[in-house]
């Protein structure tokens, strides 16, 4: 995939959703209307980090390329360069896969 021409600020990250499975484990094909948006994605851009009370920058735990899980209602959907992406705070991410 192409590089994202967007840099989030502070403790925000940009996430590209991964495609959900088109079939169930039993082989049933799921129609587009019944699919839920996946809550798994790949980090494509990260901010510099949040500042603590003393003004020191605290770096993020996630990095570009990490595959992450996030909540169903996490983030704000945006379109950057014709691609649908999510912008969310690092705290909305539940964990890194792998």
Protein backbone atom coordinates (compact mmCIF):
# COMPACT_ATOMS: atom_id res chain seq x y z
CA UNK A 1 0.00 0.00 0.00
CA UNK A 2 1.08 3.57 -0.62
CA UNK A 3 2.58 5.76 2.07
CA UNK A 4 0.08 8.05 3.81
CA UNK A 5 0.69 11.76 3.28
CA UNK A 6 -0.62 12.74 6.72
CA UNK A 7 1.14 13.20 10.07
CA UNK A 8 -1.02 12.96 13.19
CA UNK A 9 -0.29 15.21 16.16
CA UNK A 10 0.61 14.29 19.74
CA UNK A 11 -0.56 10.81 20.82
CA UNK A 12 -2.72 10.12 17.78
CA UNK A 13 -2.17 7.34 15.25
CA UNK A 14 -3.50 6.65 11.75
CA UNK A 15 -4.83 3.13 11.22
CA UNK A 16 -5.71 1.32 7.99
CA UNK A 17 -8.39 -1.31 8.63
CA UNK A 18 -7.55 -4.83 7.47
CA UNK A 19 -10.07 -6.65 5.29
CA UNK A 20 -12.45 -8.92 7.16
CA UNK A 21 -13.00 -12.53 6.20
CA UNK A 22 -15.45 -13.06 3.34
CA UNK A 23 -16.28 -16.61 4.47
CA UNK A 24 -17.04 -18.17 7.83
CA UNK A 25 -15.00 -21.12 9.10
CA UNK A 26 -17.79 -23.37 7.79
CA UNK A 27 -17.49 -21.93 4.27
CA UNK A 28 -20.57 -19.66 4.32
CA UNK A 29 -20.01 -16.50 2.28
CA UNK A 30 -20.85 -13.32 4.20
CA UNK A 31 -22.61 -10.63 2.11
CA UNK A 32 -21.28 -7.05 2.28
CA UNK A 33 -24.46 -5.87 4.03
CA UNK A 34 -23.91 -8.30 6.92
CA UNK A 35 -20.22 -7.60 7.46
CA UNK A 36 -19.12 -5.62 10.48
CA UNK A 37 -16.25 -3.20 10.10
CA UNK A 38 -13.11 -4.92 11.31
CA UNK A 39 -11.63 -3.83 14.63
CA UNK A 40 -8.16 -4.80 13.50
CA UNK A 41 -5.78 -2.66 11.50
CA UNK A 42 -2.25 -1.63 10.63
CA UNK A 43 -0.60 1.53 11.96
CA UNK A 44 0.39 3.69 8.97
CA UNK A 45 1.45 6.90 10.80
CA UNK A 46 2.11 7.98 14.41
CA UNK A 47 2.37 11.32 16.18
CA UNK A 48 5.40 12.45 18.18
CA UNK A 49 3.80 11.60 21.53
CA UNK A 50 1.97 13.30 24.37
CA UNK A 51 3.58 15.71 26.84
CA UNK A 52 3.61 15.13 30.58
CA UNK A 53 3.14 17.83 33.23
CA UNK A 54 6.77 18.94 32.95
CA UNK A 55 6.55 19.30 29.15
CA UNK A 56 8.62 16.19 28.39
CA UNK A 57 7.45 14.23 25.32
CA UNK A 58 6.37 10.66 26.09
CA UNK A 59 6.88 8.50 23.00
CA UNK A 60 4.15 6.16 21.80
CA UNK A 61 4.30 2.40 22.40
CA UNK A 62 3.09 1.60 18.86
CA UNK A 63 5.01 2.15 15.64
CA UNK A 64 4.30 2.19 11.91
CA UNK A 65 3.67 -1.35 10.68
CA UNK A 66 2.22 -2.68 13.96
CA UNK A 67 -0.99 -4.70 13.60
CA UNK A 68 -3.41 -3.62 16.34
CA UNK A 69 -6.84 -4.31 17.83
CA UNK A 70 -9.13 -1.41 18.72
CA UNK A 71 -12.68 -0.89 19.95
CA UNK A 72 -15.67 -1.05 17.62
CA UNK A 73 -16.40 2.68 18.04
CA UNK A 74 -12.79 3.87 18.29
CA UNK A 75 -11.38 6.66 16.17
CA UNK A 76 -12.62 9.10 13.58
CA UNK A 77 -13.06 7.93 10.00
CA UNK A 78 -11.30 10.15 7.44
CA UNK A 79 -10.44 9.93 3.75
CA UNK A 80 -6.79 10.74 2.95
CA UNK A 81 -5.59 10.43 -0.64
CA UNK A 82 -8.78 8.57 -1.58
CA UNK A 83 -8.22 5.93 1.12
CA UNK A 84 -10.50 5.37 4.13
CA UNK A 85 -8.46 5.56 7.34
CA UNK A 86 -9.05 5.94 11.08
CA UNK A 87 -7.42 8.51 13.35
CA UNK A 88 -7.44 7.58 17.02
CA UNK A 89 -5.58 8.17 20.26
CA UNK A 90 -3.09 5.53 21.26
CA UNK A 91 -5.18 4.86 24.37
CA UNK A 92 -8.04 3.61 22.11
CA UNK A 93 -5.81 0.72 20.98
CA UNK A 94 -6.31 -2.45 23.03
CA UNK A 95 -3.13 -4.20 21.98
CA UNK A 96 -0.59 -5.14 19.34
CA UNK A 97 -0.96 -8.46 17.49
CA UNK A 98 2.13 -10.56 16.97
